[in-house]
Amino acid sequence: LNLEAYPDAVAFLQHLKDNDIPTGILSNGSPDMLEP
């Protein structure tokens, strides 16, 4: 429930946010594990 993010993922998501590009996760995970 506390997995580490890949560094490249964080950098790229920040870029997308800075450029106002809509982003999201589409996952098989259940909400009670994805949220934390």
PDB file of all heavy atoms in Angstrom:
ATOM      1  N   LEU A   1       0.823  -1.209   0.000  1.00  0.00           N
ATOM      2  CA  LEU A   1       0.000   0.000   0.000  1.00  0.00           C
ATOM      3  C   LEU A   1       0.857   1.259   0.000  1.00  0.00           C
ATOM      4  O   LEU A   1       0.318   2.375  -0.033  1.00  0.00           O
ATOM      5  CB  LEU A   1      -0.921   0.007   1.227  1.00  0.00           C
ATOM      6  CG  LEU A   1      -1.954  -1.120   1.294  1.00  0.00           C
ATOM      7  CD1 LEU A   1      -2.742  -1.030   2.586  1.00  0.00           C
ATOM      8  CD2 LEU A   1      -2.888  -1.079   0.084  1.00  0.00           C
ATOM      9  N   ASN A   2       2.164   1.054   0.026  1.00  0.00           N
ATOM     10  CA  ASN A   2       3.099   2.188   0.036  1.00  0.00           C
ATOM     11  C   ASN A   2       4.233   1.954  -0.955  1.00  0.00           C
ATOM     12  O   ASN A   2       5.408   2.153  -0.643  1.00  0.00           O
ATOM     13  CB  ASN A   2       3.673   2.383   1.444  1.00  0.00           C
ATOM     14  CG  ASN A   2       2.623   2.799   2.442  1.00  0.00           C
ATOM     15  OD1 ASN A   2       2.315   3.972   2.581  1.00  0.00           O
ATOM     16  ND2 ASN A   2       2.054   1.820   3.146  1.00  0.00           N
ATOM     17  N   LEU A   3       3.878   1.519  -2.151  1.00  0.00           N
ATOM     18  CA  LEU A   3       4.880   1.229  -3.173  1.00  0.00           C
ATOM     19  C   LEU A   3       5.609   2.488  -3.613  1.00  0.00           C
ATOM     20  O   LEU A   3       5.051   3.594  -3.604  1.00  0.00           O
ATOM     21  CB  LEU A   3       4.210   0.579  -4.381  1.00  0.00           C
ATOM     22  CG  LEU A   3       3.577  -0.789  -4.169  1.00  0.00           C
ATOM     23  CD1 LEU A   3       2.830  -1.216  -5.428  1.00  0.00           C
ATOM     24  CD2 LEU A   3       4.631  -1.829  -3.785  1.00  0.00           C
ATOM     25  N   GLU A   4       6.844   2.315  -4.032  1.00  0.00           N
ATOM     26  CA  GLU A   4       7.635   3.433  -4.544  1.00  0.00           C
ATOM     27  C   GLU A   4       7.255   3.724  -5.985  1.00  0.00           C
ATOM     28  O   GLU A   4       6.984   2.803  -6.773  1.00  0.00           O
ATOM     29  CB  GLU A   4       9.123   3.100  -4.465  1.00  0.00           C
ATOM     30  CG  GLU A   4       9.633   2.858  -3.055  1.00  0.00           C
ATOM     31  CD  GLU A   4      11.065   2.369  -3.035  1.00  0.00           C
ATOM     32  OE1 GLU A   4      11.681   2.275  -4.136  1.00  0.00           O
ATOM     33  OE2 GLU A   4      11.574   2.073  -1.944  1.00  0.00           O
ATOM     34  N   ALA A   5       7.241   4.992  -6.340  1.00  0.00           N
ATOM     35  CA  ALA A   5       7.016   5.393  -7.728  1.00  0.00           C
ATOM     36  C   ALA A   5       8.340   5.382  -8.474  1.00  0.00           C
ATOM     37  O   ALA A   5       9.396   5.661  -7.897  1.00  0.00           O
ATOM     38  CB  ALA A   5       6.405   6.782  -7.796  1.00  0.00           C
ATOM     39  N   TYR A   6       8.287   5.037  -9.740  1.00  0.00           N
ATOM     40  CA  TYR A   6       9.491   5.135 -10.563  1.00  0.00           C
ATOM     41  C   TYR A   6       9.825   6.614 -10.770  1.00  0.00           C
ATOM     42  O   TYR A   6       8.922   7.424 -11.045  1.00  0.00           O
ATOM     43  CB  TYR A   6       9.265   4.479 -11.920  1.00  0.00           C
ATOM     44  CG  TYR A   6       9.215   2.975 -11.874  1.00  0.00           C
ATOM     45  CD1 TYR A   6       7.999   2.301 -11.960  1.00  0.00           C
ATOM     46  CD2 TYR A   6      10.381   2.217 -11.748  1.00  0.00           C
ATOM     47  CE1 TYR A   6       7.939   0.914 -11.927  1.00  0.00           C
ATOM     48  CE2 TYR A   6      10.323   0.823 -11.710  1.00  0.00           C
ATOM     49  CZ  TYR A   6       9.105   0.185 -11.805  1.00  0.00           C
ATOM     50  OH  TYR A   6       9.053  -1.179 -11.762  1.00  0.00           O
ATOM     51  N   PRO A   7      11.092   6.994 -10.652  1.00  0.00           N
ATOM     52  CA  PRO A   7      11.473   8.403 -10.826  1.00  0.00           C
ATOM     53  C   PRO A   7      11.039   8.993 -12.162  1.00  0.00           C
ATOM     54  O   PRO A   7      10.634  10.160 -12.234  1.00  0.00           O
ATOM     55  CB  PRO A   7      13.002   8.374 -10.687  1.00  0.00           C
ATOM     56  CG  PRO A   7      13.267   7.175  -9.839  1.00  0.00           C
ATOM     57  CD  PRO A   7      12.241   6.161 -10.248  1.00  0.00           C
ATOM     58  N   ASP A   8      11.110   8.199 -13.243  1.00  0.00           N
ATOM     59  CA  ASP A   8      10.721   8.736 -14.548  1.00  0.00           C
ATOM     60  C   ASP A   8       9.223   9.026 -14.588  1.00  0.00           C
ATOM     61  O   ASP A   8       8.779   9.952 -15.277  1.00  0.00           O
ATOM     62  CB  ASP A   8      11.138   7.791 -15.680  1.00  0.00           C
ATOM     63  CG  ASP A   8      10.532   6.396 -15.570  1.00  0.00           C
ATOM     64  OD1 ASP A   8       9.866   6.104 -14.555  1.00  0.00           O
ATOM     65  OD2 ASP A   8      10.741   5.591 -16.494  1.00  0.00           O
ATOM     66  N   ALA A   9       8.439   8.272 -13.831  1.00  0.00           N
ATOM     67  CA  ALA A   9       6.992   8.497 -13.799  1.00  0.00           C
ATOM     68  C   ALA A   9       6.675   9.843 -13.160  1.00  0.00           C
ATOM     69  O   ALA A   9       5.842  10.606 -13.667  1.00  0.00           O
ATOM     70  CB  ALA A   9       6.316   7.372 -13.028  1.00  0.00           C
ATOM     71  N   VAL A  10       7.341  10.134 -12.057  1.00  0.00           N
ATOM     72  CA  VAL A  10       7.103  11.394 -11.361  1.00  0.00           C
ATOM     73  C   VAL A  10       7.469  12.580 -12.258  1.00  0.00           C
ATOM     74  O   VAL A  10       6.708  13.554 -12.381  1.00  0.00           O
ATOM     75  CB  VAL A  10       7.911  11.451 -10.051  1.00  0.00           C
ATOM     76  CG1 VAL A  10       7.746  12.803  -9.375  1.00  0.00           C
ATOM     77  CG2 VAL A  10       7.478  10.334  -9.111  1.00  0.00           C
ATOM     78  N   ALA A  11       8.616  12.495 -12.902  1.00  0.00           N
ATOM     79  CA  ALA A  11       9.072  13.596 -13.757  1.00  0.00           C
ATOM     80  C   ALA A  11       8.123  13.830 -14.922  1.00  0.00           C
ATOM     81  O   ALA A  11       7.801  14.979 -15.270  1.00  0.00           O
ATOM     82  CB  ALA A  11      10.484  13.299 -14.277  1.00  0.00           C
ATOM     83  N   PHE A  12       7.641  12.756 -15.522  1.00  0.00           N
ATOM     84  CA  PHE A  12       6.783  12.911 -16.689  1.00  0.00           C
ATOM     85  C   PHE A  12       5.405  13.423 -16.296  1.00  0.00           C
ATOM     86  O   PHE A  12       4.818  14.267 -16.980  1.00  0.00           O
ATOM     87  CB  PHE A  12       6.671  11.589 -17.439  1.00  0.00           C
ATOM     88  CG  PHE A  12       5.986  11.735 -18.770  1.00  0.00           C
ATOM     89  CD1 PHE A  12       6.541  12.520 -19.763  1.00  0.00           C
ATOM     90  CD2 PHE A  12       4.776  11.107 -19.020  1.00  0.00           C
ATOM     91  CE1 PHE A  12       5.917  12.673 -20.982  1.00  0.00           C
ATOM     92  CE2 PHE A  12       4.145  11.256 -20.245  1.00  0.00           C
ATOM     93  CZ  PHE A  12       4.714  12.036 -21.228  1.00  0.00           C
ATOM     94  N   LEU A  13       4.865  12.931 -15.195  1.00  0.00           N
ATOM     95  CA  LEU A  13       3.573  13.425 -14.732  1.00  0.00           C
ATOM     96  C   LEU A  13       3.649  14.916 -14.382  1.00  0.00           C
ATOM     97  O   LEU A  13       2.703  15.665 -14.633  1.00  0.00           O
ATOM     98  CB  LEU A  13       3.108  12.628 -13.516  1.00  0.00           C
ATOM     99  CG  LEU A  13       2.569  11.232 -13.795  1.00  0.00           C
ATOM    100  CD1 LEU A  13       2.339  10.475 -12.489  1.00  0.00           C
ATOM    101  CD2 LEU A  13       1.280  11.297 -14.602  1.00  0.00           C
ATOM    102  N   GLN A  14       4.763  15.328 -13.817  1.00  0.00           N
ATOM    103  CA  GLN A  14       4.933  16.747 -13.513  1.00  0.00           C
ATOM    104  C   GLN A  14       4.935  17.581 -14.784  1.00  0.00           C
ATOM    105  O   GLN A  14       4.345  18.660 -14.839  1.00  0.00           O
ATOM    106  CB  GLN A  14       6.230  16.971 -12.734  1.00  0.00           C
ATOM    107  CG  GLN A  14       6.436  18.425 -12.292  1.00  0.00           C
ATOM    108  CD  GLN A  14       5.362  18.876 -11.318  1.00  0.00           C
ATOM    109  OE1 GLN A  14       5.213  18.300 -10.231  1.00  0.00           O
ATOM    110  NE2 GLN A  14       4.610  19.913 -11.688  1.00  0.00           N
ATOM    111  N   HIS A  15       5.595  17.074 -15.811  1.00  0.00           N
ATOM    112  CA  HIS A  15       5.607  17.772 -17.102  1.00  0.00           C
ATOM    113  C   HIS A  15       4.191  17.917 -17.658  1.00  0.00           C
ATOM    114  O   HIS A  15       3.788  18.989 -18.117  1.00  0.00           O
ATOM    115  CB  HIS A  15       6.465  17.033 -18.112  1.00  0.00           C
ATOM    116  CG  HIS A  15       6.185  17.424 -19.532  1.00  0.00           C
ATOM    117  ND1 HIS A  15       6.611  18.612 -20.066  1.00  0.00           N
ATOM    118  CD2 HIS A  15       5.465  16.806 -20.500  1.00  0.00           C
ATOM    119  CE1 HIS A  15       6.174  18.711 -21.313  1.00  0.00           C
ATOM    120  NE2 HIS A  15       5.474  17.626 -21.596  1.00  0.00           N
ATOM    121  N   LEU A  16       3.425  16.851 -17.618  1.00  0.00           N
ATOM    122  CA  LEU A  16       2.061  16.896 -18.133  1.00  0.00           C
ATOM    123  C   LEU A  16       1.214  17.884 -17.351  1.00  0.00           C
ATOM    124  O   LEU A  16       0.427  18.649 -17.934  1.00  0.00           O
ATOM    125  CB  LEU A  16       1.438  15.501 -18.089  1.00  0.00           C
ATOM    126  CG  LEU A  16       2.083  14.431 -18.961  1.00  0.00           C
ATOM    127  CD1 LEU A  16       1.405  13.086 -18.733  1.00  0.00           C
ATOM    128  CD2 LEU A  16       2.020  14.809 -20.440  1.00  0.00           C
ATOM    129  N   LYS A  17       1.355  17.888 -16.052  1.00  0.00           N
ATOM    130  CA  LYS A  17       0.605  18.833 -15.219  1.00  0.00           C
ATOM    131  C   LYS A  17       0.992  20.268 -15.550  1.00  0.00           C
ATOM    132  O   LYS A  17       0.129  21.155 -15.654  1.00  0.00           O
ATOM    133  CB  LYS A  17       0.861  18.548 -13.744  1.00  0.00           C
ATOM    134  CG  LYS A  17       0.071  19.449 -12.788  1.00  0.00           C
ATOM    135  CD  LYS A  17       0.331  19.059 -11.353  1.00  0.00           C
ATOM    136  CE  LYS A  17      -0.412  19.973 -10.390  1.00  0.00           C
ATOM    137  NZ  LYS A  17      -1.879  19.875 -10.551  1.00  0.00           N
ATOM    138  N   ASP A  18       2.302  20.498 -15.723  1.00  0.00           N
ATOM    139  CA  ASP A  18       2.775  21.848 -16.040  1.00  0.00           C
ATOM    140  C   ASP A  18       2.226  22.345 -17.370  1.00  0.00           C
ATOM    141  O   ASP A  18       2.120  23.559 -17.593  1.00  0.00           O
ATOM    142  CB  ASP A  18       4.302  21.878 -16.081  1.00  0.00           C
ATOM    143  CG  ASP A  18       4.931  21.666 -14.708  1.00  0.00           C
ATOM    144  OD1 ASP A  18       4.214  21.811 -13.707  1.00  0.00           O
ATOM    145  OD2 ASP A  18       6.137  21.346 -14.655  1.00  0.00           O
ATOM    146  N   ASN A  19       1.885  21.414 -18.256  1.00  0.00           N
ATOM    147  CA  ASN A  19       1.371  21.774 -19.574  1.00  0.00           C
ATOM    148  C   ASN A  19      -0.145  21.568 -19.693  1.00  0.00           C
ATOM    149  O   ASN A  19      -0.687  21.573 -20.805  1.00  0.00           O
ATOM    150  CB  ASN A  19       2.096  20.964 -20.650  1.00  0.00           C
ATOM    151  CG  ASN A  19       3.509  21.460 -20.873  1.00  0.00           C
ATOM    152  OD1 ASN A  19       3.755  22.366 -21.657  1.00  0.00           O
ATOM    153  ND2 ASN A  19       4.460  20.863 -20.147  1.00  0.00           N
ATOM    154  N   ASP A  20      -0.807  21.416 -18.547  1.00  0.00           N
ATOM    155  CA  ASP A  20      -2.276  21.328 -18.492  1.00  0.00           C
ATOM    156  C   ASP A  20      -2.836  20.212 -19.357  1.00  0.00           C
ATOM    157  O   ASP A  20      -3.888  20.363 -20.003  1.00  0.00           O
ATOM    158  CB  ASP A  20      -2.907  22.664 -18.914  1.00  0.00           C
ATOM    159  CG  ASP A  20      -2.522  23.803 -17.971  1.00  0.00           C
ATOM    160  OD1 ASP A  20      -2.501  23.569 -16.750  1.00  0.00           O
ATOM    161  OD2 ASP A  20      -2.234  24.904 -18.468  1.00  0.00           O
ATOM    162  N   ILE A  21      -2.147  19.094 -19.386  1.00  0.00           N
ATOM    163  CA  ILE A  21      -2.616  17.928 -20.139  1.00  0.00           C
ATOM    164  C   ILE A  21      -3.328  16.990 -19.171  1.00  0.00           C
ATOM    165  O   ILE A  21      -2.752  16.578 -18.166  1.00  0.00           O
ATOM    166  CB  ILE A  21      -1.445  17.212 -20.828  1.00  0.00           C
ATOM    167  CG1 ILE A  21      -0.796  18.144 -21.855  1.00  0.00           C
ATOM    168  CG2 ILE A  21      -1.905  15.920 -21.498  1.00  0.00           C
ATOM    169  CD1 ILE A  21       0.542  17.671 -22.363  1.00  0.00           C
ATOM    170  N   PRO A  22      -4.583  16.645 -19.425  1.00  0.00           N
ATOM    171  CA  PRO A  22      -5.333  15.763 -18.521  1.00  0.00           C
ATOM    172  C   PRO A  22      -4.648  14.415 -18.357  1.00  0.00           C
ATOM    173  O   PRO A  22      -4.175  13.821 -19.335  1.00  0.00           O
ATOM    174  CB  PRO A  22      -6.688  15.610 -19.212  1.00  0.00           C
ATOM    175  CG  PRO A  22      -6.805  16.805 -20.112  1.00  0.00           C
ATOM    176  CD  PRO A  22      -5.398  17.079 -20.577  1.00  0.00           C
ATOM    177  N   THR A  23      -4.586  13.949 -17.129  1.00  0.00           N
ATOM    178  CA  THR A  23      -3.919  12.672 -16.831  1.00  0.00           C
ATOM    179  C   THR A  23      -4.782  11.816 -15.914  1.00  0.00           C
ATOM    180  O   THR A  23      -5.675  12.307 -15.221  1.00  0.00           O
ATOM    181  CB  THR A  23      -2.569  12.902 -16.139  1.00  0.00           C
ATOM    182  OG1 THR A  23      -2.792  13.597 -14.902  1.00  0.00           O
ATOM    183  CG2 THR A  23      -1.624  13.690 -17.016  1.00  0.00           C
ATOM    184  N   GLY A  24      -4.491  10.543 -15.912  1.00  0.00           N
ATOM    185  CA  GLY A  24      -5.197   9.663 -15.001  1.00  0.00           C
ATOM    186  C   GLY A  24      -4.573   8.287 -14.964  1.00  0.00           C
ATOM    187  O   GLY A  24      -3.753   7.925 -15.814  1.00  0.00           O
ATOM    188  N   ILE A  25      -4.949   7.540 -13.966  1.00  0.00           N
ATOM    189  CA  ILE A  25      -4.595   6.128 -13.850  1.00  0.00           C
ATOM    190  C   ILE A  25      -5.798   5.309 -14.276  1.00  0.00           C
ATOM    191  O   ILE A  25      -6.938   5.643 -13.952  1.00  0.00           O
ATOM    192  CB  ILE A  25      -4.196   5.787 -12.404  1.00  0.00           C
ATOM    193  CG1 ILE A  25      -2.749   6.235 -12.125  1.00  0.00           C
ATOM    194  CG2 ILE A  25      -4.352   4.301 -12.116  1.00  0.00           C
ATOM    195  CD1 ILE A  25      -2.307   6.031 -10.683  1.00  0.00           C
ATOM    196  N   LEU A  26      -5.535   4.241 -15.021  1.00  0.00           N
ATOM    197  CA  LEU A  26      -6.560   3.260 -15.359  1.00  0.00           C
ATOM    198  C   LEU A  26      -6.025   1.916 -14.894  1.00  0.00           C
ATOM    199  O   LEU A  26      -5.136   1.347 -15.516  1.00  0.00           O
ATOM    200  CB  LEU A  26      -6.837   3.252 -16.863  1.00  0.00           C
ATOM    201  CG  LEU A  26      -7.906   2.258 -17.330  1.00  0.00           C
ATOM    202  CD1 LEU A  26      -9.251   2.550 -16.689  1.00  0.00           C
ATOM    203  CD2 LEU A  26      -8.027   2.281 -18.860  1.00  0.00           C
ATOM    204  N   SER A  27      -6.563   1.415 -13.782  1.00  0.00           N
ATOM    205  CA  SER A  27      -5.920   0.296 -13.098  1.00  0.00           C
ATOM    206  C   SER A  27      -6.897  -0.815 -12.735  1.00  0.00           C
ATOM    207  O   SER A  27      -8.080  -0.575 -12.475  1.00  0.00           O
ATOM    208  CB  SER A  27      -5.254   0.812 -11.821  1.00  0.00           C
ATOM    209  OG  SER A  27      -4.719  -0.246 -11.056  1.00  0.00           O
ATOM    210  N   ASN A  28      -6.356  -2.030 -12.679  1.00  0.00           N
ATOM    211  CA  ASN A  28      -7.090  -3.163 -12.129  1.00  0.00           C
ATOM    212  C   ASN A  28      -7.190  -3.075 -10.612  1.00  0.00           C
ATOM    213  O   ASN A  28      -7.986  -3.786  -9.995  1.00  0.00           O
ATOM    214  CB  ASN A  28      -6.399  -4.476 -12.498  1.00  0.00           C
ATOM    215  CG  ASN A  28      -6.740  -4.945 -13.900  1.00  0.00           C
ATOM    216  OD1 ASN A  28      -7.677  -4.458 -14.523  1.00  0.00           O
ATOM    217  ND2 ASN A  28      -5.976  -5.892 -14.407  1.00  0.00           N
ATOM    218  N   GLY A  29      -6.394  -2.220 -10.004  1.00  0.00           N
ATOM    219  CA  GLY A  29      -6.391  -2.099  -8.552  1.00  0.00           C
ATOM    220  C   GLY A  29      -7.713  -1.611  -8.008  1.00  0.00           C
ATOM    221  O   GLY A  29      -8.434  -0.851  -8.661  1.00  0.00           O
ATOM    222  N   SER A  30      -8.031  -2.022  -6.803  1.00  0.00           N
ATOM    223  CA  SER A  30      -9.251  -1.560  -6.157  1.00  0.00           C
ATOM    224  C   SER A  30      -8.991  -0.212  -5.487  1.00  0.00           C
ATOM    225  O   SER A  30      -7.852   0.106  -5.131  1.00  0.00           O
ATOM    226  CB  SER A  30      -9.740  -2.591  -5.140  1.00  0.00           C
ATOM    227  OG  SER A  30      -8.703  -2.970  -4.256  1.00  0.00           O
ATOM    228  N   PRO A  31     -10.032   0.596  -5.308  1.00  0.00           N
ATOM    229  CA  PRO A  31      -9.844   1.938  -4.743  1.00  0.00           C
ATOM    230  C   PRO A  31      -9.147   1.949  -3.396  1.00  0.00           C
ATOM    231  O   PRO A  31      -8.345   2.844  -3.116  1.00  0.00           O
ATOM    232  CB  PRO A  31     -11.276   2.471  -4.637  1.00  0.00           C
ATOM    233  CG  PRO A  31     -12.026   1.754  -5.713  1.00  0.00           C
ATOM    234  CD  PRO A  31     -11.428   0.376  -5.735  1.00  0.00           C
ATOM    235  N   ASP A  32      -9.426   0.949  -2.547  1.00  0.00           N
ATOM    236  CA  ASP A  32      -8.843   0.960  -1.206  1.00  0.00           C
ATOM    237  C   ASP A  32      -7.364   0.618  -1.190  1.00  0.00           C
ATOM    238  O   ASP A  32      -6.704   0.754  -0.155  1.00  0.00           O
ATOM    239  CB  ASP A  32      -9.607   0.035  -0.259  1.00  0.00           C
ATOM    240  CG  ASP A  32      -9.698  -1.399  -0.754  1.00  0.00           C
ATOM    241  OD1 ASP A  32      -9.260  -1.668  -1.876  1.00  0.00           O
ATOM    242  OD2 ASP A  32     -10.223  -2.243  -0.006  1.00  0.00           O
ATOM    243  N   MET A  33      -6.820   0.183  -2.318  1.00  0.00           N
ATOM    244  CA  MET A  33      -5.378   0.000  -2.404  1.00  0.00           C
ATOM    245  C   MET A  33      -4.741   1.088  -3.269  1.00  0.00           C
ATOM    246  O   MET A  33      -3.609   1.489  -3.026  1.00  0.00           O
ATOM    247  CB  MET A  33      -5.021  -1.391  -2.935  1.00  0.00           C
ATOM    248  CG  MET A  33      -5.508  -1.700  -4.322  1.00  0.00           C
ATOM    249  SD  MET A  33      -5.310  -3.457  -4.815  1.00  0.00           S
ATOM    250  CE  MET A  33      -3.532  -3.681  -4.810  1.00  0.00           C
ATOM    251  N   LEU A  34      -5.470   1.590  -4.246  1.00  0.00           N
ATOM    252  CA  LEU A  34      -4.918   2.634  -5.110  1.00  0.00           C
ATOM    253  C   LEU A  34      -4.757   3.963  -4.377  1.00  0.00           C
ATOM    254  O   LEU A  34      -3.742   4.649  -4.524  1.00  0.00           O
ATOM    255  CB  LEU A  34      -5.821   2.838  -6.329  1.00  0.00           C
ATOM    256  CG  LEU A  34      -5.704   1.818  -7.452  1.00  0.00           C
ATOM    257  CD1 LEU A  34      -6.849   1.980  -8.437  1.00  0.00           C
ATOM    258  CD2 LEU A  34      -4.357   1.946  -8.158  1.00  0.00           C
ATOM    259  N   GLU A  35      -5.753   4.321  -3.592  1.00  0.00           N
ATOM    260  CA  GLU A  35      -5.715   5.621  -2.918  1.00  0.00           C
ATOM    261  C   GLU A  35      -4.493   5.789  -2.020  1.00  0.00           C
ATOM    262  O   GLU A  35      -3.753   6.775  -2.152  1.00  0.00           O
ATOM    263  CB  GLU A  35      -7.003   5.842  -2.123  1.00  0.00           C
ATOM    264  CG  GLU A  35      -7.060   7.200  -1.443  1.00  0.00           C
ATOM    265  CD  GLU A  35      -8.365   7.431  -0.706  1.00  0.00           C
ATOM    266  OE1 GLU A  35      -9.273   6.583  -0.799  1.00  0.00           O
ATOM    267  OE2 GLU A  35      -8.487   8.475  -0.032  1.00  0.00           O
ATOM    268  N   PRO A  36      -4.217   4.848  -1.112  1.00  0.00           N
ATOM    269  CA  PRO A  36      -3.021   5.026  -0.281  1.00  0.00           C
ATOM    270  C   PRO A  36      -1.722   4.899  -1.061  1.00  0.00           C
ATOM    271  O   PRO A  36      -0.738   5.572  -0.752  1.00  0.00           O
ATOM    272  CB  PRO A  36      -3.152   3.915   0.766  1.00  0.00           C
ATOM    273  CG  PRO A  36      -4.059   2.906   0.165  1.00  0.00           C
ATOM    274  CD  PRO A  36      -5.007   3.676  -0.682  1.00  0.00           C
TER     275      PRO A  36
END
